[in-house]
Amino acid sequence: MIHESLFLCLWIWLSHGVIGYTDEVKSVSVMEGDSVTLNTDVSEVQRNDQILWMFNVNHSDTLIAQINRLDIYIDDSIVRFRDKLQIDSRTGSLTIRNIRTEHSGLYKLTIIKAGVTYKSFSVAVYAPLPIPVITRDTSNCSSSSPSSSSDRSSVSRCSLLCSVVNVSDVTLSWYKGNSLLSRISVSDLSISLSLPLEVEYQDKNTYSCVINNPIRNQTRHNINITQLCQTCPELMQQSPSVALSVIVVIVLVLAVVVAVIYLLQRKSKQPRSQVQTCEEEVLYAETTFCARSVHSTKLNEEDHIIYSSVNAK
């Protein structure tokens, strides 16, 4: 059928001798997953009209769909277009459903209608845009900490990074309010992109990072400068002796706690048979109280008293 179409085109060109040609290429941009329609600008296809749709692959045109004598033909052998193409039977316009990035390229239209007319469409399919990620650039920490009193009199700065991954044909921009600060563009396929921004600590201005392509954009709004600038581990880098002292104190405290727990557990596990009680060590003697008779010293009246005489000289 393809050969018949080519022969028919050649016959019409030679028989009519009229060729309508335009070198204008219409650019069409579409997001991946959407549908796009390439219009022929034909009000109605007649019975003897022919519509040919070609896709240029590696500088070679491949027939993907056509209308010939009101019969519609779509080539399902091309894997990338399988179940994705549709032709309007009235106008001959081509619709690509659920379009993917692999469908980007040059589409050529040939209209054979009392002459030959050519049109070309450059279709660019863009992948969905990710939301930019904002991080602190720790490789560029300032030499002073904003929390110390000595630094409050001077201006301290930190560097932020706005990053996106797996993008192509995009522009990445930093904004301060509505004012553009910096911008970078890339056309390579599937790369990671980062854009730095140096700001002051405690900056109260409104910053945003925007990624965009010719169709859409994604924006990271209301970036908290103060919070992001405090995420840099500069305190540990500036005062290693302080950090080391804290670590030593923590280790010593843990060692003391472990030693106390060990001693308490060892004491609680000591056998009871090794402990002597007071009842086993002390012998008690029985005490006996004896009643002793008391001799009266009072003289009995019946006792005789013999007096001896005393001679005085």
C-alpha atoms as a PDB file:
ATOM      1  CA  MET A   1       0.000   0.000   0.000  1.00  0.00           C
ATOM      2  CA  ILE A   2       2.908   2.311   0.744  1.00  0.00           C
ATOM      3  CA  HIS A   3       4.339   1.750  -2.725  1.00  0.00           C
ATOM      4  CA  GLU A   4       0.966   2.465  -4.289  1.00  0.00           C
ATOM      5  CA  SER A   5       0.784   5.756  -2.421  1.00  0.00           C
ATOM      6  CA  LEU A   6       4.214   6.797  -3.600  1.00  0.00           C
ATOM      7  CA  PHE A   7       3.419   5.970  -7.184  1.00  0.00           C
ATOM      8  CA  LEU A   8       0.123   7.834  -6.872  1.00  0.00           C
ATOM      9  CA  CYS A   9       1.894  10.908  -5.542  1.00  0.00           C
ATOM     10  CA  LEU A  10       4.393  10.835  -8.380  1.00  0.00           C
ATOM     11  CA  TRP A  11       1.628  10.437 -10.934  1.00  0.00           C
ATOM     12  CA  ILE A  12      -0.323  13.379  -9.543  1.00  0.00           C
ATOM     13  CA  TRP A  13       2.751  15.592  -9.447  1.00  0.00           C
ATOM     14  CA  LEU A  14       3.534  14.808 -13.097  1.00  0.00           C
ATOM     15  CA  SER A  15      -0.056  14.994 -14.328  1.00  0.00           C
ATOM     16  CA  HIS A  16      -0.981  18.242 -12.674  1.00  0.00           C
ATOM     17  CA  GLY A  17       2.393  19.905 -12.816  1.00  0.00           C
ATOM     18  CA  VAL A  18       1.389  22.040  -9.889  1.00  0.00           C
ATOM     19  CA  ILE A  19       3.229  21.748  -6.586  1.00  0.00           C
ATOM     20  CA  GLY A  20       2.427  23.924  -3.614  1.00  0.00           C
ATOM     21  CA  TYR A  21       5.439  24.075  -1.280  1.00  0.00           C
ATOM     22  CA  THR A  22       6.269  25.994   1.849  1.00  0.00           C
ATOM     23  CA  ASP A  23       9.508  25.875   3.798  1.00  0.00           C
ATOM     24  CA  GLU A  24       7.851  27.187   6.944  1.00  0.00           C
ATOM     25  CA  VAL A  25       8.099  24.837   9.910  1.00  0.00           C
ATOM     26  CA  LYS A  26       5.471  25.270  12.606  1.00  0.00           C
ATOM     27  CA  SER A  27       6.765  24.698  16.144  1.00  0.00           C
ATOM     28  CA  VAL A  28       4.539  22.793  18.541  1.00  0.00           C
ATOM     29  CA  SER A  29       5.302  22.353  22.249  1.00  0.00           C
ATOM     30  CA  VAL A  30       3.464  19.873  24.430  1.00  0.00           C
ATOM     31  CA  MET A  31       3.838  18.307  27.873  1.00  0.00           C
ATOM     32  CA  GLU A  32       4.469  14.597  28.149  1.00  0.00           C
ATOM     33  CA  GLY A  33       1.224  12.690  28.695  1.00  0.00           C
ATOM     34  CA  ASP A  34      -0.937  15.232  26.871  1.00  0.00           C
ATOM     35  CA  SER A  35      -2.434  14.929  23.386  1.00  0.00           C
ATOM     36  CA  VAL A  36      -1.530  17.113  20.431  1.00  0.00           C
ATOM     37  CA  THR A  37      -3.253  17.632  17.077  1.00  0.00           C
ATOM     38  CA  LEU A  38      -1.388  18.642  13.930  1.00  0.00           C
ATOM     39  CA  ASN A  39      -3.883  20.440  11.699  1.00  0.00           C
ATOM     40  CA  THR A  40      -3.993  20.189   7.907  1.00  0.00           C
ATOM     41  CA  ASP A  41      -6.164  23.324   7.529  1.00  0.00           C
ATOM     42  CA  VAL A  42      -8.274  21.315   5.056  1.00  0.00           C
ATOM     43  CA  SER A  43     -11.985  22.011   5.405  1.00  0.00           C
ATOM     44  CA  GLU A  44     -13.036  18.614   4.056  1.00  0.00           C
ATOM     45  CA  VAL A  45     -11.237  15.733   2.394  1.00  0.00           C
ATOM     46  CA  GLN A  46     -12.721  14.786  -0.980  1.00  0.00           C
ATOM     47  CA  ARG A  47     -12.804  11.325  -2.504  1.00  0.00           C
ATOM     48  CA  ASN A  48      -9.852  11.910  -4.816  1.00  0.00           C
ATOM     49  CA  ASP A  49      -7.797  13.699  -2.174  1.00  0.00           C
ATOM     50  CA  GLN A  50      -4.814  12.138  -0.457  1.00  0.00           C
ATOM     51  CA  ILE A  51      -3.271  13.040   2.890  1.00  0.00           C
ATOM     52  CA  LEU A  52       0.183  11.680   3.786  1.00  0.00           C
ATOM     53  CA  TRP A  53       1.813  11.989   7.235  1.00  0.00           C
ATOM     54  CA  MET A  54       5.568  11.336   7.542  1.00  0.00           C
ATOM     55  CA  PHE A  55       7.859  11.225  10.588  1.00  0.00           C
ATOM     56  CA  ASN A  56      11.499  12.070  10.090  1.00  0.00           C
ATOM     57  CA  VAL A  57      13.811   9.542  11.769  1.00  0.00           C
ATOM     58  CA  ASN A  58      17.578   9.858  11.296  1.00  0.00           C
ATOM     59  CA  HIS A  59      17.033  12.209   8.344  1.00  0.00           C
ATOM     60  CA  SER A  60      14.744   9.684   6.656  1.00  0.00           C
ATOM     61  CA  ASP A  61      10.983  10.140   6.209  1.00  0.00           C
ATOM     62  CA  THR A  62       8.751   7.242   7.314  1.00  0.00           C
ATOM     63  CA  LEU A  63       5.062   7.058   6.427  1.00  0.00           C
ATOM     64  CA  ILE A  64       3.044   6.708   9.635  1.00  0.00           C
ATOM     65  CA  ALA A  65      -0.536   7.486   8.489  1.00  0.00           C
ATOM     66  CA  GLN A  66      -2.563   8.503   5.429  1.00  0.00           C
ATOM     67  CA  ILE A  67      -5.965   8.986   3.865  1.00  0.00           C
ATOM     68  CA  ASN A  68      -6.340   7.614   0.313  1.00  0.00           C
ATOM     69  CA  ARG A  69      -9.725   7.706  -1.428  1.00  0.00           C
ATOM     70  CA  LEU A  70     -11.323   8.270   1.980  1.00  0.00           C
ATOM     71  CA  ASP A  71      -9.675   5.115   3.362  1.00  0.00           C
ATOM     72  CA  ILE A  72      -7.646   5.645   6.539  1.00  0.00           C
ATOM     73  CA  TYR A  73      -4.364   3.794   7.044  1.00  0.00           C
ATOM     74  CA  ILE A  74      -2.208   3.893  10.197  1.00  0.00           C
ATOM     75  CA  ASP A  75       1.073   1.972  10.345  1.00  0.00           C
ATOM     76  CA  ASP A  76       0.990  -0.034  13.622  1.00  0.00           C
ATOM     77  CA  SER A  77       4.363  -1.625  12.883  1.00  0.00           C
ATOM     78  CA  ILE A  78       6.135   1.446  14.284  1.00  0.00           C
ATOM     79  CA  VAL A  79       6.433   0.657  17.975  1.00  0.00           C
ATOM     80  CA  ARG A  80       6.719   4.210  19.247  1.00  0.00           C
ATOM     81  CA  PHE A  81       3.401   5.190  17.587  1.00  0.00           C
ATOM     82  CA  ARG A  82       1.440   2.018  18.320  1.00  0.00           C
ATOM     83  CA  ASP A  83      -2.081   2.815  19.631  1.00  0.00           C
ATOM     84  CA  LYS A  84      -1.271   6.528  19.750  1.00  0.00           C
ATOM     85  CA  LEU A  85      -2.233   7.899  16.317  1.00  0.00           C
ATOM     86  CA  GLN A  86      -5.625   9.029  15.128  1.00  0.00           C
ATOM     87  CA  ILE A  87      -6.654  10.735  11.842  1.00  0.00           C
ATOM     88  CA  ASP A  88      -9.694  12.938  11.493  1.00  0.00           C
ATOM     89  CA  SER A  89     -11.597  11.456   8.541  1.00  0.00           C
ATOM     90  CA  ARG A  90     -13.071  14.853   7.630  1.00  0.00           C
ATOM     91  CA  THR A  91      -9.978  17.111   7.775  1.00  0.00           C
ATOM     92  CA  GLY A  92      -7.098  14.640   7.747  1.00  0.00           C
ATOM     93  CA  SER A  93      -5.560  16.206  10.877  1.00  0.00           C
ATOM     94  CA  LEU A  94      -3.274  13.926  12.890  1.00  0.00           C
ATOM     95  CA  THR A  95      -3.668  13.486  16.659  1.00  0.00           C
ATOM     96  CA  ILE A  96      -0.991  11.907  18.876  1.00  0.00           C
ATOM     97  CA  ARG A  97      -2.482  10.661  22.152  1.00  0.00           C
ATOM     98  CA  ASN A  98      -0.547  10.315  25.428  1.00  0.00           C
ATOM     99  CA  ILE A  99       2.521  11.739  23.759  1.00  0.00           C
ATOM    100  CA  ARG A 100       5.993  10.889  25.093  1.00  0.00           C
ATOM    101  CA  THR A 101       9.401  12.491  24.716  1.00  0.00           C
ATOM    102  CA  GLU A 102      10.311   9.875  22.098  1.00  0.00           C
ATOM    103  CA  HIS A 103       7.679  11.440  19.826  1.00  0.00           C
ATOM    104  CA  SER A 104       9.613  14.692  19.595  1.00  0.00           C
ATOM    105  CA  GLY A 105      10.783  15.419  16.078  1.00  0.00           C
ATOM    106  CA  LEU A 106       9.834  16.618  12.622  1.00  0.00           C
ATOM    107  CA  TYR A 107       6.466  15.673  11.115  1.00  0.00           C
ATOM    108  CA  LYS A 108       5.895  16.262   7.416  1.00  0.00           C
ATOM    109  CA  LEU A 109       2.476  16.589   5.780  1.00  0.00           C
ATOM    110  CA  THR A 110       1.745  16.123   2.078  1.00  0.00           C
ATOM    111  CA  ILE A 111      -1.691  17.188   0.814  1.00  0.00           C
ATOM    112  CA  ILE A 112      -2.586  16.059  -2.710  1.00  0.00           C
ATOM    113  CA  LYS A 113      -5.670  18.032  -3.683  1.00  0.00           C
ATOM    114  CA  ALA A 114      -5.699  19.457  -7.209  1.00  0.00           C
ATOM    115  CA  GLY A 115      -2.018  19.990  -6.598  1.00  0.00           C
ATOM    116  CA  VAL A 116       0.509  19.182  -3.889  1.00  0.00           C
ATOM    117  CA  THR A 117       1.010  21.118  -0.680  1.00  0.00           C
ATOM    118  CA  TYR A 118       3.690  20.477   1.937  1.00  0.00           C
ATOM    119  CA  LYS A 119       3.705  21.420   5.588  1.00  0.00           C
ATOM    120  CA  SER A 120       6.105  20.635   8.412  1.00  0.00           C
ATOM    121  CA  PHE A 121       5.660  20.527  12.205  1.00  0.00           C
ATOM    122  CA  SER A 122       8.508  20.515  14.712  1.00  0.00           C
ATOM    123  CA  VAL A 123       7.098  18.864  17.831  1.00  0.00           C
ATOM    124  CA  ALA A 124       8.888  19.284  21.164  1.00  0.00           C
ATOM    125  CA  VAL A 125       7.679  17.093  24.031  1.00  0.00           C
ATOM    126  CA  TYR A 126       8.684  18.174  27.529  1.00  0.00           C
ATOM    127  CA  ALA A 127       8.807  15.942  30.584  1.00  0.00           C
ATOM    128  CA  PRO A 128       6.944  17.083  33.753  1.00  0.00           C
ATOM    129  CA  LEU A 129       8.925  19.598  35.769  1.00  0.00           C
ATOM    130  CA  PRO A 130      10.071  18.711  39.293  1.00  0.00           C
ATOM    131  CA  ILE A 131       9.701  21.158  42.177  1.00  0.00           C
ATOM    132  CA  PRO A 132      13.115  22.693  42.969  1.00  0.00           C
ATOM    133  CA  VAL A 133      14.880  21.510  46.140  1.00  0.00           C
ATOM    134  CA  ILE A 134      16.584  24.126  48.350  1.00  0.00           C
ATOM    135  CA  THR A 135      19.549  23.083  50.521  1.00  0.00           C
ATOM    136  CA  ARG A 136      22.433  24.679  52.390  1.00  0.00           C
ATOM    137  CA  ASP A 137      25.748  24.453  50.592  1.00  0.00           C
ATOM    138  CA  THR A 138      27.835  22.962  53.437  1.00  0.00           C
ATOM    139  CA  SER A 139      30.980  23.132  51.325  1.00  0.00           C
ATOM    140  CA  ASN A 140      30.816  26.915  51.566  1.00  0.00           C
ATOM    141  CA  CYS A 141      30.111  27.536  55.250  1.00  0.00           C
ATOM    142  CA  SER A 142      30.982  30.958  56.568  1.00  0.00           C
ATOM    143  CA  SER A 143      33.883  31.175  59.002  1.00  0.00           C
ATOM    144  CA  SER A 144      31.755  32.617  61.791  1.00  0.00           C
ATOM    145  CA  SER A 145      28.650  31.403  63.517  1.00  0.00           C
ATOM    146  CA  PRO A 146      25.681  33.777  63.470  1.00  0.00           C
ATOM    147  CA  SER A 147      24.719  32.753  66.999  1.00  0.00           C
ATOM    148  CA  SER A 148      27.862  34.135  68.678  1.00  0.00           C
ATOM    149  CA  SER A 149      27.684  37.627  70.133  1.00  0.00           C
ATOM    150  CA  SER A 150      30.957  38.675  68.499  1.00  0.00           C
ATOM    151  CA  ASP A 151      29.516  38.137  65.039  1.00  0.00           C
ATOM    152  CA  ARG A 152      26.370  40.169  65.517  1.00  0.00           C
ATOM    153  CA  SER A 153      28.206  43.352  64.714  1.00  0.00           C
ATOM    154  CA  SER A 154      29.414  41.971  61.371  1.00  0.00           C
ATOM    155  CA  VAL A 155      27.543  40.572  58.382  1.00  0.00           C
ATOM    156  CA  SER A 156      27.542  36.762  58.125  1.00  0.00           C
ATOM    157  CA  ARG A 157      26.545  35.001  54.928  1.00  0.00           C
ATOM    158  CA  CYS A 158      25.684  31.514  53.791  1.00  0.00           C
ATOM    159  CA  SER A 159      25.267  29.875  50.403  1.00  0.00           C
ATOM    160  CA  LEU A 160      22.073  28.127  49.278  1.00  0.00           C
ATOM    161  CA  LEU A 161      21.601  25.732  46.371  1.00  0.00           C
ATOM    162  CA  CYS A 162      18.497  25.413  44.209  1.00  0.00           C
ATOM    163  CA  SER A 163      18.657  21.974  42.545  1.00  0.00           C
ATOM    164  CA  VAL A 164      16.666  19.835  40.100  1.00  0.00           C
ATOM    165  CA  VAL A 165      17.444  16.410  38.626  1.00  0.00           C
ATOM    166  CA  ASN A 166      16.762  14.665  35.313  1.00  0.00           C
ATOM    167  CA  VAL A 167      15.742  17.752  33.381  1.00  0.00           C
ATOM    168  CA  SER A 168      16.318  19.012  29.847  1.00  0.00           C
ATOM    169  CA  ASP A 169      15.606  22.245  27.987  1.00  0.00           C
ATOM    170  CA  VAL A 170      14.871  24.172  31.174  1.00  0.00           C
ATOM    171  CA  THR A 171      15.834  27.420  32.858  1.00  0.00           C
ATOM    172  CA  LEU A 172      16.546  27.677  36.596  1.00  0.00           C
ATOM    173  CA  SER A 173      16.232  31.097  38.266  1.00  0.00           C
ATOM    174  CA  TRP A 174      16.568  32.768  41.687  1.00  0.00           C
ATOM    175  CA  TYR A 175      14.179  35.610  42.553  1.00  0.00           C
ATOM    176  CA  LYS A 176      14.179  38.099  45.408  1.00  0.00           C
ATOM    177  CA  GLY A 177      10.588  39.181  45.531  1.00  0.00           C
ATOM    178  CA  ASN A 178       9.838  39.889  41.875  1.00  0.00           C
ATOM    179  CA  SER A 179      13.434  40.772  40.972  1.00  0.00           C
ATOM    180  CA  LEU A 180      15.553  38.284  39.044  1.00  0.00           C
ATOM    181  CA  LEU A 181      18.873  37.604  40.807  1.00  0.00           C
ATOM    182  CA  SER A 182      20.471  34.878  38.685  1.00  0.00           C
ATOM    183  CA  ARG A 183      19.584  32.399  35.954  1.00  0.00           C
ATOM    184  CA  ILE A 184      21.017  29.341  34.223  1.00  0.00           C
ATOM    185  CA  SER A 185      19.717  27.424  31.183  1.00  0.00           C
ATOM    186  CA  VAL A 186      20.463  23.943  29.873  1.00  0.00           C
ATOM    187  CA  SER A 187      19.522  22.057  26.733  1.00  0.00           C
ATOM    188  CA  ASP A 188      21.184  18.719  27.468  1.00  0.00           C
ATOM    189  CA  LEU A 189      19.112  15.618  28.171  1.00  0.00           C
ATOM    190  CA  SER A 190      18.515  14.236  31.663  1.00  0.00           C
ATOM    191  CA  ILE A 191      21.063  16.097  33.743  1.00  0.00           C
ATOM    192  CA  SER A 192      21.160  17.514  37.254  1.00  0.00           C
ATOM    193  CA  LEU A 193      21.181  21.279  37.586  1.00  0.00           C
ATOM    194  CA  SER A 194      22.076  23.496  40.569  1.00  0.00           C
ATOM    195  CA  LEU A 195      22.139  27.263  40.992  1.00  0.00           C
ATOM    196  CA  PRO A 196      23.836  28.830  44.058  1.00  0.00           C
ATOM    197  CA  LEU A 197      22.734  31.944  45.910  1.00  0.00           C
ATOM    198  CA  GLU A 198      24.629  33.751  48.674  1.00  0.00           C
ATOM    199  CA  VAL A 199      22.433  35.394  51.305  1.00  0.00           C
ATOM    200  CA  GLU A 200      22.811  36.992  54.712  1.00  0.00           C
ATOM    201  CA  TYR A 201      21.929  35.273  57.965  1.00  0.00           C
ATOM    202  CA  GLN A 202      18.577  36.390  59.386  1.00  0.00           C
ATOM    203  CA  ASP A 203      17.566  37.739  55.958  1.00  0.00           C
ATOM    204  CA  LYS A 204      13.856  38.646  56.066  1.00  0.00           C
ATOM    205  CA  ASN A 205      13.373  39.089  52.321  1.00  0.00           C
ATOM    206  CA  THR A 206      11.195  36.735  50.272  1.00  0.00           C
ATOM    207  CA  TYR A 207      13.145  34.420  47.987  1.00  0.00           C
ATOM    208  CA  SER A 208      11.924  31.894  45.433  1.00  0.00           C
ATOM    209  CA  CYS A 209      13.488  29.488  42.951  1.00  0.00           C
ATOM    210  CA  VAL A 210      11.766  28.820  39.614  1.00  0.00           C
ATOM    211  CA  ILE A 211      12.295  26.135  36.981  1.00  0.00           C
ATOM    212  CA  ASN A 212      10.538  26.585  33.658  1.00  0.00           C
ATOM    213  CA  ASN A 213      10.376  25.367  30.070  1.00  0.00           C
ATOM    214  CA  PRO A 214       8.471  26.909  27.131  1.00  0.00           C
ATOM    215  CA  ILE A 215       5.207  25.458  28.450  1.00  0.00           C
ATOM    216  CA  ARG A 216       5.126  25.429  32.253  1.00  0.00           C
ATOM    217  CA  ASN A 217       7.043  26.310  35.397  1.00  0.00           C
ATOM    218  CA  GLN A 218       7.457  25.069  38.940  1.00  0.00           C
ATOM    219  CA  THR A 219       8.294  27.390  41.826  1.00  0.00           C
ATOM    220  CA  ARG A 220       9.608  26.905  45.367  1.00  0.00           C
ATOM    221  CA  HIS A 221       8.053  29.750  47.322  1.00  0.00           C
ATOM    222  CA  ASN A 222       8.659  31.292  50.770  1.00  0.00           C
ATOM    223  CA  ILE A 223      12.164  29.962  51.396  1.00  0.00           C
ATOM    224  CA  ASN A 224      13.120  30.203  55.094  1.00  0.00           C
ATOM    225  CA  ILE A 225      16.601  31.712  54.982  1.00  0.00           C
ATOM    226  CA  THR A 226      17.146  31.640  58.766  1.00  0.00           C
ATOM    227  CA  GLN A 227      16.292  27.966  59.119  1.00  0.00           C
ATOM    228  CA  LEU A 228      18.361  26.863  56.139  1.00  0.00           C
ATOM    229  CA  CYS A 229      21.432  28.836  57.213  1.00  0.00           C
ATOM    230  CA  GLN A 230      21.444  27.146  60.636  1.00  0.00           C
ATOM    231  CA  THR A 231      21.774  23.678  59.151  1.00  0.00           C
ATOM    232  CA  CYS A 232      25.501  24.049  58.468  1.00  0.00           C
ATOM    233  CA  PRO A 233      27.646  22.108  61.008  1.00  0.00           C
ATOM    234  CA  GLU A 234      30.042  25.024  61.359  1.00  0.00           C
ATOM    235  CA  LEU A 235      30.061  24.974  65.172  1.00  0.00           C
ATOM    236  CA  MET A 236      31.736  21.584  65.143  1.00  0.00           C
ATOM    237  CA  GLN A 237      34.206  22.776  62.527  1.00  0.00           C
ATOM    238  CA  GLN A 238      35.126  25.965  64.397  1.00  0.00           C
ATOM    239  CA  SER A 239      35.438  24.562  67.958  1.00  0.00           C
ATOM    240  CA  PRO A 240      36.772  21.002  67.822  1.00  0.00           C
ATOM    241  CA  SER A 241      38.197  21.293  71.381  1.00  0.00           C
ATOM    242  CA  VAL A 242      34.764  22.105  72.789  1.00  0.00           C
ATOM    243  CA  ALA A 243      33.209  19.213  70.969  1.00  0.00           C
ATOM    244  CA  LEU A 244      35.978  16.884  72.194  1.00  0.00           C
ATOM    245  CA  SER A 245      35.491  18.023  75.798  1.00  0.00           C
ATOM    246  CA  VAL A 246      31.768  17.324  75.604  1.00  0.00           C
ATOM    247  CA  ILE A 247      32.442  13.848  74.251  1.00  0.00           C
ATOM    248  CA  VAL A 248      34.972  13.089  77.058  1.00  0.00           C
ATOM    249  CA  VAL A 249      32.519  14.186  79.756  1.00  0.00           C
ATOM    250  CA  ILE A 250      29.767  12.028  78.295  1.00  0.00           C
ATOM    251  CA  VAL A 251      32.084   9.005  78.190  1.00  0.00           C
ATOM    252  CA  LEU A 252      33.170   9.488  81.827  1.00  0.00           C
ATOM    253  CA  VAL A 253      29.595   9.796  83.050  1.00  0.00           C
ATOM    254  CA  LEU A 254      28.628   6.631  81.222  1.00  0.00           C
ATOM    255  CA  ALA A 255      31.633   4.795  82.723  1.00  0.00           C
ATOM    256  CA  VAL A 256      30.642   5.780  86.278  1.00  0.00           C
ATOM    257  CA  VAL A 257      27.051   4.687  85.726  1.00  0.00           C
ATOM    258  CA  VAL A 258      28.168   1.321  84.357  1.00  0.00           C
ATOM    259  CA  ALA A 259      30.534   0.766  87.330  1.00  0.00           C
ATOM    260  CA  VAL A 260      27.823   1.514  89.891  1.00  0.00           C
ATOM    261  CA  ILE A 261      25.373  -0.826  88.198  1.00  0.00           C
ATOM    262  CA  TYR A 262      28.011  -3.591  88.099  1.00  0.00           C
ATOM    263  CA  LEU A 263      28.802  -3.285  91.839  1.00  0.00           C
ATOM    264  CA  LEU A 264      25.139  -3.326  92.808  1.00  0.00           C
ATOM    265  CA  GLN A 265      24.470  -6.429  90.738  1.00  0.00           C
ATOM    266  CA  ARG A 266      27.527  -8.212  92.185  1.00  0.00           C
ATOM    267  CA  LYS A 267      26.494  -7.483  95.769  1.00  0.00           C
ATOM    268  CA  SER A 268      22.934  -8.686  95.185  1.00  0.00           C
ATOM    269  CA  LYS A 269      24.226 -12.025  93.809  1.00  0.00           C
ATOM    270  CA  GLN A 270      26.501 -12.877  96.886  1.00  0.00           C
ATOM    271  CA  PRO A 271      25.423 -16.288  98.598  1.00  0.00           C
ATOM    272  CA  ARG A 272      23.627 -16.096 101.952  1.00  0.00           C
ATOM    273  CA  SER A 273      25.659 -19.067 103.473  1.00  0.00           C
ATOM    274  CA  GLN A 274      28.758 -16.889 103.603  1.00  0.00           C
ATOM    275  CA  VAL A 275      27.138 -14.374 105.946  1.00  0.00           C
ATOM    276  CA  GLN A 276      27.265 -15.229 109.675  1.00  0.00           C
ATOM    277  CA  THR A 277      24.533 -13.895 111.898  1.00  0.00           C
ATOM    278  CA  CYS A 278      24.837 -12.681 115.395  1.00  0.00           C
ATOM    279  CA  GLU A 279      22.838 -15.658 116.753  1.00  0.00           C
ATOM    280  CA  GLU A 280      25.577 -18.052 115.554  1.00  0.00           C
ATOM    281  CA  GLU A 281      28.443 -16.051 117.085  1.00  0.00           C
ATOM    282  CA  VAL A 282      27.104 -15.177 120.582  1.00  0.00           C
ATOM    283  CA  LEU A 283      26.555 -17.751 123.374  1.00  0.00           C
ATOM    284  CA  TYR A 284      24.181 -16.729 126.114  1.00  0.00           C
ATOM    285  CA  ALA A 285      24.692 -17.979 129.780  1.00  0.00           C
ATOM    286  CA  GLU A 286      21.735 -18.596 132.063  1.00  0.00           C
ATOM    287  CA  THR A 287      21.683 -16.318 135.070  1.00  0.00           C
ATOM    288  CA  THR A 288      20.614 -17.761 138.515  1.00  0.00           C
ATOM    289  CA  PHE A 289      19.655 -15.497 141.333  1.00  0.00           C
ATOM    290  CA  CYS A 290      20.213 -17.016 144.880  1.00  0.00           C
ATOM    291  CA  ALA A 291      18.439 -15.651 148.024  1.00  0.00           C
ATOM    292  CA  ARG A 292      21.002 -15.169 150.806  1.00  0.00           C
ATOM    293  CA  SER A 293      19.861 -15.127 154.527  1.00  0.00           C
ATOM    294  CA  VAL A 294      20.538 -11.979 156.393  1.00  0.00           C
ATOM    295  CA  HIS A 295      21.862 -12.384 160.014  1.00  0.00           C
ATOM    296  CA  SER A 296      20.382  -9.947 162.415  1.00  0.00           C
ATOM    297  CA  THR A 297      22.846  -7.989 164.474  1.00  0.00           C
ATOM    298  CA  LYS A 298      20.302  -7.303 167.188  1.00  0.00           C
ATOM    299  CA  LEU A 299      21.134  -8.983 170.478  1.00  0.00           C
ATOM    300  CA  ASN A 300      18.721 -11.399 171.916  1.00  0.00           C
ATOM    301  CA  GLU A 301      17.342 -10.350 175.188  1.00  0.00           C
ATOM    302  CA  GLU A 302      17.984 -13.762 176.553  1.00  0.00           C
ATOM    303  CA  ASP A 303      21.726 -13.561 175.938  1.00  0.00           C
ATOM    304  CA  HIS A 304      23.707 -12.870 179.160  1.00  0.00           C
ATOM    305  CA  ILE A 305      26.061 -10.033 179.318  1.00  0.00           C
ATOM    306  CA  ILE A 306      28.999 -10.473 181.652  1.00  0.00           C
ATOM    307  CA  TYR A 307      30.607  -7.372 182.793  1.00  0.00           C
ATOM    308  CA  SER A 308      34.100  -7.371 184.153  1.00  0.00           C
ATOM    309  CA  SER A 309      35.139  -5.083 186.830  1.00  0.00           C
ATOM    310  CA  VAL A 310      37.491  -2.317 186.180  1.00  0.00           C
ATOM    311  CA  ASN A 311      39.973  -1.458 188.865  1.00  0.00           C
ATOM    312  CA  ALA A 312      40.978   2.060 189.009  1.00  0.00           C
ATOM    313  CA  LYS A 313      44.436   2.807 190.329  1.00  0.00           C
END
